[in-house]
Amino acid sequence: PIIVHMQLADVPARNEPGTGELGWEFIFRRIDALGYQGWVGCEYRPAG
């Protein structure tokens, strides 16, 4: 209810999704299911 912006990067190296430990399929489904309407900033360092 108080989230006005989101940002993403994978862990631990702060690269793009799919390069680390997080389960992005589930995370993206939850963002949609929770009705988030704002922007998601891709605040990651590209691995290449």
ModelCIF file with pLDDT and N, C-alpha, C, O atoms, coordinates in Angstrom:
data_MODEL
#
_entry.id   MODEL 
#
_entity.id                         1 
_entity.type                       polymer 
_entity.pdbx_number_of_molecules   1 
#
_entity_poly.entity_id                      1 
_entity_poly.type                           'polypeptide(L)' 
_entity_poly.nstd_linkage                   no 
_entity_poly.nstd_monomer                   no 
_entity_poly.pdbx_seq_one_letter_code       PIIVHMQLADVPARNEPGTGELGWEFIFRRIDALGYQGWVGCEYRPAG 
_entity_poly.pdbx_seq_one_letter_code_can   PIIVHMQLADVPARNEPGTGELGWEFIFRRIDALGYQGWVGCEYRPAG 
_entity_poly.pdbx_strand_id                 A 
#
loop_
_entity_poly_seq.entity_id 
_entity_poly_seq.num 
_entity_poly_seq.mon_id 
_entity_poly_seq.hetero 
1 1  PRO n 
1 2  ILE n 
1 3  ILE n 
1 4  VAL n 
1 5  HIS n 
1 6  MET n 
1 7  GLN n 
1 8  LEU n 
1 9  ALA n 
1 10 ASP n 
1 11 VAL n 
1 12 PRO n 
1 13 ALA n 
1 14 ARG n 
1 15 ASN n 
1 16 GLU n 
1 17 PRO n 
1 18 GLY n 
1 19 THR n 
1 20 GLY n 
1 21 GLU n 
1 22 LEU n 
1 23 GLY n 
1 24 TRP n 
1 25 GLU n 
1 26 PHE n 
1 27 ILE n 
1 28 PHE n 
1 29 ARG n 
1 30 ARG n 
1 31 ILE n 
1 32 ASP n 
1 33 ALA n 
1 34 LEU n 
1 35 GLY n 
1 36 TYR n 
1 37 GLN n 
1 38 GLY n 
1 39 TRP n 
1 40 VAL n 
1 41 GLY n 
1 42 CYS n 
1 43 GLU n 
1 44 TYR n 
1 45 ARG n 
1 46 PRO n 
1 47 ALA n 
1 48 GLY n 
#
_struct_asym.id          A 
_struct_asym.entity_id   1 
#
loop_
_ma_qa_metric.id 
_ma_qa_metric.mode 
_ma_qa_metric.name 
_ma_qa_metric.software_group_id 
_ma_qa_metric.type 
1 global pLDDT . pLDDT 
2 local  pLDDT . pLDDT 
#
_ma_qa_metric_global.metric_id      1 
_ma_qa_metric_global.metric_value   97.81 
_ma_qa_metric_global.model_id       1 
_ma_qa_metric_global.ordinal_id     1 
#
loop_
_ma_qa_metric_local.label_asym_id 
_ma_qa_metric_local.label_comp_id 
_ma_qa_metric_local.label_seq_id 
_ma_qa_metric_local.metric_id 
_ma_qa_metric_local.metric_value 
_ma_qa_metric_local.model_id 
_ma_qa_metric_local.ordinal_id 
A PRO 1  2 98.00 1 1  
A ILE 2  2 98.00 1 2  
A ILE 3  2 98.00 1 3  
A VAL 4  2 98.00 1 4  
A HIS 5  2 98.00 1 5  
A MET 6  2 98.00 1 6  
A GLN 7  2 98.00 1 7  
A LEU 8  2 98.00 1 8  
A ALA 9  2 98.00 1 9  
A ASP 10 2 98.00 1 10 
A VAL 11 2 98.00 1 11 
A PRO 12 2 98.00 1 12 
A ALA 13 2 98.00 1 13 
A ARG 14 2 98.00 1 14 
A ASN 15 2 98.00 1 15 
A GLU 16 2 98.00 1 16 
A PRO 17 2 98.00 1 17 
A GLY 18 2 98.00 1 18 
A THR 19 2 98.00 1 19 
A GLY 20 2 98.00 1 20 
A GLU 21 2 98.00 1 21 
A LEU 22 2 98.00 1 22 
A GLY 23 2 98.00 1 23 
A TRP 24 2 98.00 1 24 
A GLU 25 2 97.00 1 25 
A PHE 26 2 98.00 1 26 
A ILE 27 2 98.00 1 27 
A PHE 28 2 98.00 1 28 
A ARG 29 2 97.00 1 29 
A ARG 30 2 98.00 1 30 
A ILE 31 2 98.00 1 31 
A ASP 32 2 97.00 1 32 
A ALA 33 2 97.00 1 33 
A LEU 34 2 98.00 1 34 
A GLY 35 2 97.00 1 35 
A TYR 36 2 98.00 1 36 
A GLN 37 2 95.00 1 37 
A GLY 38 2 97.00 1 38 
A TRP 39 2 98.00 1 39 
A VAL 40 2 98.00 1 40 
A GLY 41 2 98.00 1 41 
A CYS 42 2 98.00 1 42 
A GLU 43 2 98.00 1 43 
A TYR 44 2 98.00 1 44 
A ARG 45 2 98.00 1 45 
A PRO 46 2 98.00 1 46 
A ALA 47 2 98.00 1 47 
A GLY 48 2 98.00 1 48 
#
loop_
_atom_site.group_PDB 
_atom_site.id 
_atom_site.type_symbol 
_atom_site.label_atom_id 
_atom_site.label_alt_id 
_atom_site.label_comp_id 
_atom_site.label_asym_id 
_atom_site.label_entity_id 
_atom_site.label_seq_id 
_atom_site.pdbx_PDB_ins_code 
_atom_site.Cartn_x 
_atom_site.Cartn_y 
_atom_site.Cartn_z 
_atom_site.occupancy 
_atom_site.B_iso_or_equiv 
_atom_site.pdbx_formal_charge 
_atom_site.auth_seq_id 
_atom_site.auth_comp_id 
_atom_site.auth_asym_id 
_atom_site.auth_atom_id 
_atom_site.pdbx_PDB_model_num 
ATOM 1   N N  . PRO A 1 1  ? 0.790  -1.234  0.000   1.00 98.00 ? 1  PRO A N  1 
ATOM 2   C CA . PRO A 1 1  ? 0.000  0.000   0.000   1.00 98.00 ? 1  PRO A CA 1 
ATOM 3   C C  . PRO A 1 1  ? 0.826  1.290   0.000   1.00 98.00 ? 1  PRO A C  1 
ATOM 4   O O  . PRO A 1 1  ? 0.323  2.342   -0.394  1.00 98.00 ? 1  PRO A O  1 
ATOM 5   N N  . ILE A 1 2  ? 2.092  1.219   0.439   1.00 98.00 ? 2  ILE A N  1 
ATOM 6   C CA . ILE A 1 2  ? 2.906  2.438   0.489   1.00 98.00 ? 2  ILE A CA 1 
ATOM 7   C C  . ILE A 1 2  ? 4.053  2.429   -0.513  1.00 98.00 ? 2  ILE A C  1 
ATOM 8   O O  . ILE A 1 2  ? 4.851  3.366   -0.539  1.00 98.00 ? 2  ILE A O  1 
ATOM 9   N N  . ILE A 1 3  ? 4.151  1.388   -1.339  1.00 98.00 ? 3  ILE A N  1 
ATOM 10  C CA . ILE A 1 3  ? 5.227  1.314   -2.334  1.00 98.00 ? 3  ILE A CA 1 
ATOM 11  C C  . ILE A 1 3  ? 4.885  2.214   -3.513  1.00 98.00 ? 3  ILE A C  1 
ATOM 12  O O  . ILE A 1 3  ? 3.842  2.055   -4.147  1.00 98.00 ? 3  ILE A O  1 
ATOM 13  N N  . VAL A 1 4  ? 5.776  3.161   -3.801  1.00 98.00 ? 4  VAL A N  1 
ATOM 14  C CA . VAL A 1 4  ? 5.554  4.088   -4.919  1.00 98.00 ? 4  VAL A CA 1 
ATOM 15  C C  . VAL A 1 4  ? 6.512  3.828   -6.083  1.00 98.00 ? 4  VAL A C  1 
ATOM 16  O O  . VAL A 1 4  ? 6.321  4.353   -7.180  1.00 98.00 ? 4  VAL A O  1 
ATOM 17  N N  . HIS A 1 5  ? 7.535  3.020   -5.840  1.00 98.00 ? 5  HIS A N  1 
ATOM 18  C CA . HIS A 1 5  ? 8.490  2.698   -6.893  1.00 98.00 ? 5  HIS A CA 1 
ATOM 19  C C  . HIS A 1 5  ? 9.197  1.418   -6.493  1.00 98.00 ? 5  HIS A C  1 
ATOM 20  O O  . HIS A 1 5  ? 9.406  1.155   -5.309  1.00 98.00 ? 5  HIS A O  1 
ATOM 21  N N  . MET A 1 6  ? 9.568  0.619   -7.497  1.00 98.00 ? 6  MET A N  1 
ATOM 22  C CA . MET A 1 6  ? 10.343 -0.592  -7.242  1.00 98.00 ? 6  MET A CA 1 
ATOM 23  C C  . MET A 1 6  ? 11.586 -0.585  -8.123  1.00 98.00 ? 6  MET A C  1 
ATOM 24  O O  . MET A 1 6  ? 11.625 0.064   -9.168  1.00 98.00 ? 6  MET A O  1 
ATOM 25  N N  . GLN A 1 7  ? 12.593 -1.317  -7.682  1.00 98.00 ? 7  GLN A N  1 
ATOM 26  C CA . GLN A 1 7  ? 13.812 -1.495  -8.467  1.00 98.00 ? 7  GLN A CA 1 
ATOM 27  C C  . GLN A 1 7  ? 14.258 -2.947  -8.359  1.00 98.00 ? 7  GLN A C  1 
ATOM 28  O O  . GLN A 1 7  ? 13.941 -3.643  -7.395  1.00 98.00 ? 7  GLN A O  1 
ATOM 29  N N  . LEU A 1 8  ? 15.000 -3.386  -9.370  1.00 98.00 ? 8  LEU A N  1 
ATOM 30  C CA . LEU A 1 8  ? 15.426 -4.779  -9.389  1.00 98.00 ? 8  LEU A CA 1 
ATOM 31  C C  . LEU A 1 8  ? 16.887 -4.927  -9.781  1.00 98.00 ? 8  LEU A C  1 
ATOM 32  O O  . LEU A 1 8  ? 17.447 -4.104  -10.506 1.00 98.00 ? 8  LEU A O  1 
ATOM 33  N N  . ALA A 1 9  ? 17.476 -5.984  -9.287  1.00 98.00 ? 9  ALA A N  1 
ATOM 34  C CA . ALA A 1 9  ? 18.787 -6.498  -9.684  1.00 98.00 ? 9  ALA A CA 1 
ATOM 35  C C  . ALA A 1 9  ? 18.916 -7.845  -9.000  1.00 98.00 ? 9  ALA A C  1 
ATOM 36  O O  . ALA A 1 9  ? 18.331 -8.068  -7.941  1.00 98.00 ? 9  ALA A O  1 
ATOM 37  N N  . ASP A 1 10 ? 19.670 -8.732  -9.595  1.00 98.00 ? 10 ASP A N  1 
ATOM 38  C CA . ASP A 1 10 ? 19.850 -10.047 -8.975  1.00 98.00 ? 10 ASP A CA 1 
ATOM 39  C C  . ASP A 1 10 ? 20.933 -9.973  -7.904  1.00 98.00 ? 10 ASP A C  1 
ATOM 40  O O  . ASP A 1 10 ? 21.728 -9.035  -7.857  1.00 98.00 ? 10 ASP A O  1 
ATOM 41  N N  . VAL A 1 11 ? 20.937 -10.983 -7.055  1.00 98.00 ? 11 VAL A N  1 
ATOM 42  C CA . VAL A 1 11 ? 21.859 -11.079 -5.926  1.00 98.00 ? 11 VAL A CA 1 
ATOM 43  C C  . VAL A 1 11 ? 22.723 -12.317 -6.134  1.00 98.00 ? 11 VAL A C  1 
ATOM 44  O O  . VAL A 1 11 ? 22.189 -13.363 -6.505  1.00 98.00 ? 11 VAL A O  1 
ATOM 45  N N  . PRO A 1 12 ? 24.026 -12.247 -5.913  1.00 98.00 ? 12 PRO A N  1 
ATOM 46  C CA . PRO A 1 12 ? 24.743 -11.232 -5.143  1.00 98.00 ? 12 PRO A CA 1 
ATOM 47  C C  . PRO A 1 12 ? 25.455 -10.147 -5.945  1.00 98.00 ? 12 PRO A C  1 
ATOM 48  O O  . PRO A 1 12 ? 25.894 -9.162  -5.351  1.00 98.00 ? 12 PRO A O  1 
ATOM 49  N N  . ALA A 1 13 ? 25.591 -10.276 -7.257  1.00 98.00 ? 13 ALA A N  1 
ATOM 50  C CA . ALA A 1 13 ? 26.497 -9.398  -7.996  1.00 98.00 ? 13 ALA A CA 1 
ATOM 51  C C  . ALA A 1 13 ? 25.835 -8.141  -8.559  1.00 98.00 ? 13 ALA A C  1 
ATOM 52  O O  . ALA A 1 13 ? 26.510 -7.332  -9.196  1.00 98.00 ? 13 ALA A O  1 
ATOM 53  N N  . ARG A 1 14 ? 24.545 -7.959  -8.342  1.00 98.00 ? 14 ARG A N  1 
ATOM 54  C CA . ARG A 1 14 ? 23.787 -6.813  -8.829  1.00 98.00 ? 14 ARG A CA 1 
ATOM 55  C C  . ARG A 1 14 ? 23.761 -6.753  -10.353 1.00 98.00 ? 14 ARG A C  1 
ATOM 56  O O  . ARG A 1 14 ? 23.791 -5.673  -10.943 1.00 98.00 ? 14 ARG A O  1 
ATOM 57  N N  . ASN A 1 15 ? 23.707 -7.913  -10.974 1.00 98.00 ? 15 ASN A N  1 
ATOM 58  C CA . ASN A 1 15 ? 23.554 -7.988  -12.420 1.00 98.00 ? 15 ASN A CA 1 
ATOM 59  C C  . ASN A 1 15 ? 22.078 -8.203  -12.764 1.00 98.00 ? 15 ASN A C  1 
ATOM 60  O O  . ASN A 1 15 ? 21.217 -8.131  -11.887 1.00 98.00 ? 15 ASN A O  1 
ATOM 61  N N  . GLU A 1 16 ? 21.784 -8.471  -14.054 1.00 98.00 ? 16 GLU A N  1 
ATOM 62  C CA . GLU A 1 16 ? 20.416 -8.600  -14.506 1.00 98.00 ? 16 GLU A CA 1 
ATOM 63  C C  . GLU A 1 16 ? 19.746 -9.850  -13.930 1.00 98.00 ? 16 GLU A C  1 
ATOM 64  O O  . GLU A 1 16 ? 20.427 -10.793 -13.527 1.00 98.00 ? 16 GLU A O  1 
ATOM 65  N N  . PRO A 1 17 ? 18.409 -9.854  -13.893 1.00 98.00 ? 17 PRO A N  1 
ATOM 66  C CA . PRO A 1 17 ? 17.687 -11.037 -13.424 1.00 98.00 ? 17 PRO A CA 1 
ATOM 67  C C  . PRO A 1 17 ? 18.101 -12.295 -14.183 1.00 98.00 ? 17 PRO A C  1 
ATOM 68  O O  . PRO A 1 17 ? 18.305 -12.279 -15.396 1.00 98.00 ? 17 PRO A O  1 
ATOM 69  N N  . GLY A 1 18 ? 18.217 -13.385 -13.424 1.00 98.00 ? 18 GLY A N  1 
ATOM 70  C CA . GLY A 1 18 ? 18.624 -14.649 -14.011 1.00 98.00 ? 18 GLY A CA 1 
ATOM 71  C C  . GLY A 1 18 ? 20.090 -14.956 -13.853 1.00 98.00 ? 18 GLY A C  1 
ATOM 72  O O  . GLY A 1 18 ? 20.546 -16.017 -14.278 1.00 98.00 ? 18 GLY A O  1 
ATOM 73  N N  . THR A 1 19 ? 20.848 -14.047 -13.247 1.00 98.00 ? 19 THR A N  1 
ATOM 74  C CA . THR A 1 19 ? 22.285 -14.256 -13.067 1.00 98.00 ? 19 THR A CA 1 
ATOM 75  C C  . THR A 1 19 ? 22.638 -14.621 -11.629 1.00 98.00 ? 19 THR A C  1 
ATOM 76  O O  . THR A 1 19 ? 23.809 -14.834 -11.315 1.00 98.00 ? 19 THR A O  1 
ATOM 77  N N  . GLY A 1 20 ? 21.645 -14.694 -10.762 1.00 98.00 ? 20 GLY A N  1 
ATOM 78  C CA . GLY A 1 20 ? 21.938 -14.923 -9.352  1.00 98.00 ? 20 GLY A CA 1 
ATOM 79  C C  . GLY A 1 20 ? 20.947 -15.843 -8.684  1.00 98.00 ? 20 GLY A C  1 
ATOM 80  O O  . GLY A 1 20 ? 20.454 -16.789 -9.298  1.00 98.00 ? 20 GLY A O  1 
ATOM 81  N N  . GLU A 1 21 ? 20.652 -15.568 -7.420  1.00 98.00 ? 21 GLU A N  1 
ATOM 82  C CA . GLU A 1 21 ? 19.950 -16.513 -6.575  1.00 98.00 ? 21 GLU A CA 1 
ATOM 83  C C  . GLU A 1 21 ? 18.437 -16.335 -6.516  1.00 98.00 ? 21 GLU A C  1 
ATOM 84  O O  . GLU A 1 21 ? 17.747 -17.199 -5.975  1.00 98.00 ? 21 GLU A O  1 
ATOM 85  N N  . LEU A 1 22 ? 17.909 -15.261 -7.048  1.00 98.00 ? 22 LEU A N  1 
ATOM 86  C CA . LEU A 1 22 ? 16.494 -14.960 -6.875  1.00 98.00 ? 22 LEU A CA 1 
ATOM 87  C C  . LEU A 1 22 ? 15.600 -15.686 -7.889  1.00 98.00 ? 22 LEU A C  1 
ATOM 88  O O  . LEU A 1 22 ? 16.003 -15.943 -9.023  1.00 98.00 ? 22 LEU A O  1 
ATOM 89  N N  . GLY A 1 23 ? 14.382 -16.007 -7.453  1.00 98.00 ? 23 GLY A N  1 
ATOM 90  C CA . GLY A 1 23 ? 13.404 -16.685 -8.304  1.00 98.00 ? 23 GLY A CA 1 
ATOM 91  C C  . GLY A 1 23 ? 12.517 -15.679 -8.997  1.00 98.00 ? 23 GLY A C  1 
ATOM 92  O O  . GLY A 1 23 ? 11.449 -15.334 -8.492  1.00 98.00 ? 23 GLY A O  1 
ATOM 93  N N  . TRP A 1 24 ? 12.955 -15.202 -10.162 1.00 98.00 ? 24 TRP A N  1 
ATOM 94  C CA . TRP A 1 24 ? 12.283 -14.077 -10.797 1.00 98.00 ? 24 TRP A CA 1 
ATOM 95  C C  . TRP A 1 24 ? 10.914 -14.416 -11.351 1.00 98.00 ? 24 TRP A C  1 
ATOM 96  O O  . TRP A 1 24 ? 10.035 -13.555 -11.365 1.00 98.00 ? 24 TRP A O  1 
ATOM 97  N N  . GLU A 1 25 ? 10.703 -15.637 -11.807 1.00 97.00 ? 25 GLU A N  1 
ATOM 98  C CA . GLU A 1 25 ? 9.370  -15.982 -12.300 1.00 97.00 ? 25 GLU A CA 1 
ATOM 99  C C  . GLU A 1 25 ? 8.335  -15.734 -11.208 1.00 97.00 ? 25 GLU A C  1 
ATOM 100 O O  . GLU A 1 25 ? 7.284  -15.143 -11.458 1.00 97.00 ? 25 GLU A O  1 
ATOM 101 N N  . PHE A 1 26 ? 8.639  -16.188 -10.008 1.00 98.00 ? 26 PHE A N  1 
ATOM 102 C CA . PHE A 1 26 ? 7.711  -16.013 -8.899  1.00 98.00 ? 26 PHE A CA 1 
ATOM 103 C C  . PHE A 1 26 ? 7.584  -14.550 -8.492  1.00 98.00 ? 26 PHE A C  1 
ATOM 104 O O  . PHE A 1 26 ? 6.482  -14.064 -8.236  1.00 98.00 ? 26 PHE A O  1 
ATOM 105 N N  . ILE A 1 27 ? 8.712  -13.853 -8.435  1.00 98.00 ? 27 ILE A N  1 
ATOM 106 C CA . ILE A 1 27 ? 8.682  -12.437 -8.045  1.00 98.00 ? 27 ILE A CA 1 
ATOM 107 C C  . ILE A 1 27 ? 7.816  -11.632 -9.006  1.00 98.00 ? 27 ILE A C  1 
ATOM 108 O O  . ILE A 1 27 ? 6.980  -10.847 -8.559  1.00 98.00 ? 27 ILE A O  1 
ATOM 109 N N  . PHE A 1 28 ? 7.992  -11.802 -10.299 1.00 98.00 ? 28 PHE A N  1 
ATOM 110 C CA . PHE A 1 28 ? 7.199  -11.045 -11.267 1.00 98.00 ? 28 PHE A CA 1 
ATOM 111 C C  . PHE A 1 28 ? 5.717  -11.411 -11.176 1.00 98.00 ? 28 PHE A C  1 
ATOM 112 O O  . PHE A 1 28 ? 4.860  -10.539 -11.315 1.00 98.00 ? 28 PHE A O  1 
ATOM 113 N N  . ARG A 1 29 ? 5.407  -12.680 -10.945 1.00 97.00 ? 29 ARG A N  1 
ATOM 114 C CA . ARG A 1 29 ? 4.007  -13.070 -10.774 1.00 97.00 ? 29 ARG A CA 1 
ATOM 115 C C  . ARG A 1 29 ? 3.397  -12.382 -9.559  1.00 97.00 ? 29 ARG A C  1 
ATOM 116 O O  . ARG A 1 29 ? 2.251  -11.937 -9.608  1.00 97.00 ? 29 ARG A O  1 
ATOM 117 N N  . ARG A 1 30 ? 4.160  -12.292 -8.467  1.00 98.00 ? 30 ARG A N  1 
ATOM 118 C CA . ARG A 1 30 ? 3.640  -11.661 -7.255  1.00 98.00 ? 30 ARG A CA 1 
ATOM 119 C C  . ARG A 1 30 ? 3.437  -10.156 -7.449  1.00 98.00 ? 30 ARG A C  1 
ATOM 120 O O  . ARG A 1 30 ? 2.460  -9.591  -6.957  1.00 98.00 ? 30 ARG A O  1 
ATOM 121 N N  . ILE A 1 31 ? 4.349  -9.517  -8.158  1.00 98.00 ? 31 ILE A N  1 
ATOM 122 C CA . ILE A 1 31 ? 4.175  -8.079  -8.432  1.00 98.00 ? 31 ILE A CA 1 
ATOM 123 C C  . ILE A 1 31 ? 2.847  -7.855  -9.148  1.00 98.00 ? 31 ILE A C  1 
ATOM 124 O O  . ILE A 1 31 ? 2.101  -6.938  -8.806  1.00 98.00 ? 31 ILE A O  1 
ATOM 125 N N  . ASP A 1 32 ? 2.554  -8.687  -10.133 1.00 97.00 ? 32 ASP A N  1 
ATOM 126 C CA . ASP A 1 32 ? 1.290  -8.572  -10.861 1.00 97.00 ? 32 ASP A CA 1 
ATOM 127 C C  . ASP A 1 32 ? 0.104  -8.894  -9.956  1.00 97.00 ? 32 ASP A C  1 
ATOM 128 O O  . ASP A 1 32 ? -0.889 -8.166  -9.936  1.00 97.00 ? 32 ASP A O  1 
ATOM 129 N N  . ALA A 1 33 ? 0.215  -9.988  -9.210  1.00 97.00 ? 33 ALA A N  1 
ATOM 130 C CA . ALA A 1 33 ? -0.903 -10.437 -8.377  1.00 97.00 ? 33 ALA A CA 1 
ATOM 131 C C  . ALA A 1 33 ? -1.239 -9.424  -7.292  1.00 97.00 ? 33 ALA A C  1 
ATOM 132 O O  . ALA A 1 33 ? -2.397 -9.299  -6.893  1.00 97.00 ? 33 ALA A O  1 
ATOM 133 N N  . LEU A 1 34 ? -0.238 -8.706  -6.817  1.00 98.00 ? 34 LEU A N  1 
ATOM 134 C CA . LEU A 1 34 ? -0.458 -7.716  -5.768  1.00 98.00 ? 34 LEU A CA 1 
ATOM 135 C C  . LEU A 1 34 ? -0.996 -6.396  -6.317  1.00 98.00 ? 34 LEU A C  1 
ATOM 136 O O  . LEU A 1 34 ? -1.304 -5.479  -5.556  1.00 98.00 ? 34 LEU A O  1 
ATOM 137 N N  . GLY A 1 35 ? -1.106 -6.307  -7.633  1.00 97.00 ? 35 GLY A N  1 
ATOM 138 C CA . GLY A 1 35 ? -1.733 -5.139  -8.245  1.00 97.00 ? 35 GLY A CA 1 
ATOM 139 C C  . GLY A 1 35 ? -0.860 -3.906  -8.323  1.00 97.00 ? 35 GLY A C  1 
ATOM 140 O O  . GLY A 1 35 ? -1.368 -2.788  -8.406  1.00 97.00 ? 35 GLY A O  1 
ATOM 141 N N  . TYR A 1 36 ? 0.453  -4.097  -8.299  1.00 98.00 ? 36 TYR A N  1 
ATOM 142 C CA . TYR A 1 36 ? 1.344  -2.938  -8.366  1.00 98.00 ? 36 TYR A CA 1 
ATOM 143 C C  . TYR A 1 36 ? 1.210  -2.246  -9.718  1.00 98.00 ? 36 TYR A C  1 
ATOM 144 O O  . TYR A 1 36 ? 1.280  -2.893  -10.763 1.00 98.00 ? 36 TYR A O  1 
ATOM 145 N N  . GLN A 1 37 ? 1.016  -0.931  -9.692  1.00 95.00 ? 37 GLN A N  1 
ATOM 146 C CA . GLN A 1 37 ? 0.787  -0.171  -10.915 1.00 95.00 ? 37 GLN A CA 1 
ATOM 147 C C  . GLN A 1 37 ? 1.937  0.768   -11.279 1.00 95.00 ? 37 GLN A C  1 
ATOM 148 O O  . GLN A 1 37 ? 1.898  1.410   -12.328 1.00 95.00 ? 37 GLN A O  1 
ATOM 149 N N  . GLY A 1 38 ? 2.957  0.854   -10.426 1.00 97.00 ? 38 GLY A N  1 
ATOM 150 C CA . GLY A 1 38 ? 4.053  1.778   -10.671 1.00 97.00 ? 38 GLY A CA 1 
ATOM 151 C C  . GLY A 1 38 ? 5.109  1.203   -11.605 1.00 97.00 ? 38 GLY A C  1 
ATOM 152 O O  . GLY A 1 38 ? 4.901  0.175   -12.251 1.00 97.00 ? 38 GLY A O  1 
ATOM 153 N N  . TRP A 1 39 ? 6.240  1.888   -11.660 1.00 98.00 ? 39 TRP A N  1 
ATOM 154 C CA . TRP A 1 39 ? 7.349  1.459   -12.500 1.00 98.00 ? 39 TRP A CA 1 
ATOM 155 C C  . TRP A 1 39 ? 8.327  0.601   -11.702 1.00 98.00 ? 39 TRP A C  1 
ATOM 156 O O  . TRP A 1 39 ? 8.436  0.728   -10.483 1.00 98.00 ? 39 TRP A O  1 
ATOM 157 N N  . VAL A 1 40 ? 9.037  -0.275  -12.412 1.00 98.00 ? 40 VAL A N  1 
ATOM 158 C CA . VAL A 1 40 ? 10.107 -1.084  -11.834 1.00 98.00 ? 40 VAL A CA 1 
ATOM 159 C C  . VAL A 1 40 ? 11.404 -0.682  -12.526 1.00 98.00 ? 40 VAL A C  1 
ATOM 160 O O  . VAL A 1 40 ? 11.604 -0.978  -13.704 1.00 98.00 ? 40 VAL A O  1 
ATOM 161 N N  . GLY A 1 41 ? 12.271 -0.015  -11.799 1.00 98.00 ? 41 GLY A N  1 
ATOM 162 C CA . GLY A 1 41 ? 13.531 0.434   -12.361 1.00 98.00 ? 41 GLY A CA 1 
ATOM 163 C C  . GLY A 1 41 ? 14.552 -0.686  -12.452 1.00 98.00 ? 41 GLY A C  1 
ATOM 164 O O  . GLY A 1 41 ? 14.767 -1.424  -11.490 1.00 98.00 ? 41 GLY A O  1 
ATOM 165 N N  . CYS A 1 42 ? 15.176 -0.808  -13.610 1.00 98.00 ? 42 CYS A N  1 
ATOM 166 C CA . CYS A 1 42 ? 16.204 -1.840  -13.807 1.00 98.00 ? 42 CYS A CA 1 
ATOM 167 C C  . CYS A 1 42 ? 17.545 -1.278  -13.339 1.00 98.00 ? 42 CYS A C  1 
ATOM 168 O O  . CYS A 1 42 ? 18.383 -0.877  -14.147 1.00 98.00 ? 42 CYS A O  1 
ATOM 169 N N  . GLU A 1 43 ? 17.727 -1.256  -12.041 1.00 98.00 ? 43 GLU A N  1 
ATOM 170 C CA . GLU A 1 43 ? 18.924 -0.668  -11.447 1.00 98.00 ? 43 GLU A CA 1 
ATOM 171 C C  . GLU A 1 43 ? 19.975 -1.764  -11.236 1.00 98.00 ? 43 GLU A C  1 
ATOM 172 O O  . GLU A 1 43 ? 20.320 -2.111  -10.106 1.00 98.00 ? 43 GLU A O  1 
ATOM 173 N N  . TYR A 1 44 ? 20.462 -2.286  -12.337 1.00 98.00 ? 44 TYR A N  1 
ATOM 174 C CA . TYR A 1 44 ? 21.464 -3.346  -12.271 1.00 98.00 ? 44 TYR A CA 1 
ATOM 175 C C  . TYR A 1 44 ? 22.644 -3.010  -13.168 1.00 98.00 ? 44 TYR A C  1 
ATOM 176 O O  . TYR A 1 44 ? 22.553 -2.192  -14.083 1.00 98.00 ? 44 TYR A O  1 
ATOM 177 N N  . ARG A 1 45 ? 23.757 -3.675  -12.869 1.00 98.00 ? 45 ARG A N  1 
ATOM 178 C CA . ARG A 1 45 ? 24.954 -3.545  -13.705 1.00 98.00 ? 45 ARG A CA 1 
ATOM 179 C C  . ARG A 1 45 ? 24.960 -4.694  -14.700 1.00 98.00 ? 45 ARG A C  1 
ATOM 180 O O  . ARG A 1 45 ? 25.104 -5.844  -14.286 1.00 98.00 ? 45 ARG A O  1 
ATOM 181 N N  . PRO A 1 46 ? 24.812 -4.436  -15.978 1.00 98.00 ? 46 PRO A N  1 
ATOM 182 C CA . PRO A 1 46 ? 24.822 -5.531  -16.948 1.00 98.00 ? 46 PRO A CA 1 
ATOM 183 C C  . PRO A 1 46 ? 26.088 -6.376  -16.825 1.00 98.00 ? 46 PRO A C  1 
ATOM 184 O O  . PRO A 1 46 ? 27.196 -5.852  -16.709 1.00 98.00 ? 46 PRO A O  1 
ATOM 185 N N  . ALA A 1 47 ? 25.898 -7.680  -16.852 1.00 98.00 ? 47 ALA A N  1 
ATOM 186 C CA . ALA A 1 47 ? 27.047 -8.589  -16.735 1.00 98.00 ? 47 ALA A CA 1 
ATOM 187 C C  . ALA A 1 47 ? 27.942 -8.517  -17.964 1.00 98.00 ? 47 ALA A C  1 
ATOM 188 O O  . ALA A 1 47 ? 29.134 -8.820  -17.899 1.00 98.00 ? 47 ALA A O  1 
ATOM 189 N N  . GLY A 1 48 ? 27.352 -8.113  -19.087 1.00 98.00 ? 48 GLY A N  1 
ATOM 190 C CA . GLY A 1 48 ? 28.100 -7.941  -20.327 1.00 98.00 ? 48 GLY A CA 1 
ATOM 191 C C  . GLY A 1 48 ? 27.584 -6.722  -21.053 1.00 98.00 ? 48 GLY A C  1 
ATOM 192 O O  . GLY A 1 48 ? 28.079 -6.390  -22.130 1.00 98.00 ? 48 GLY A O  1 
#
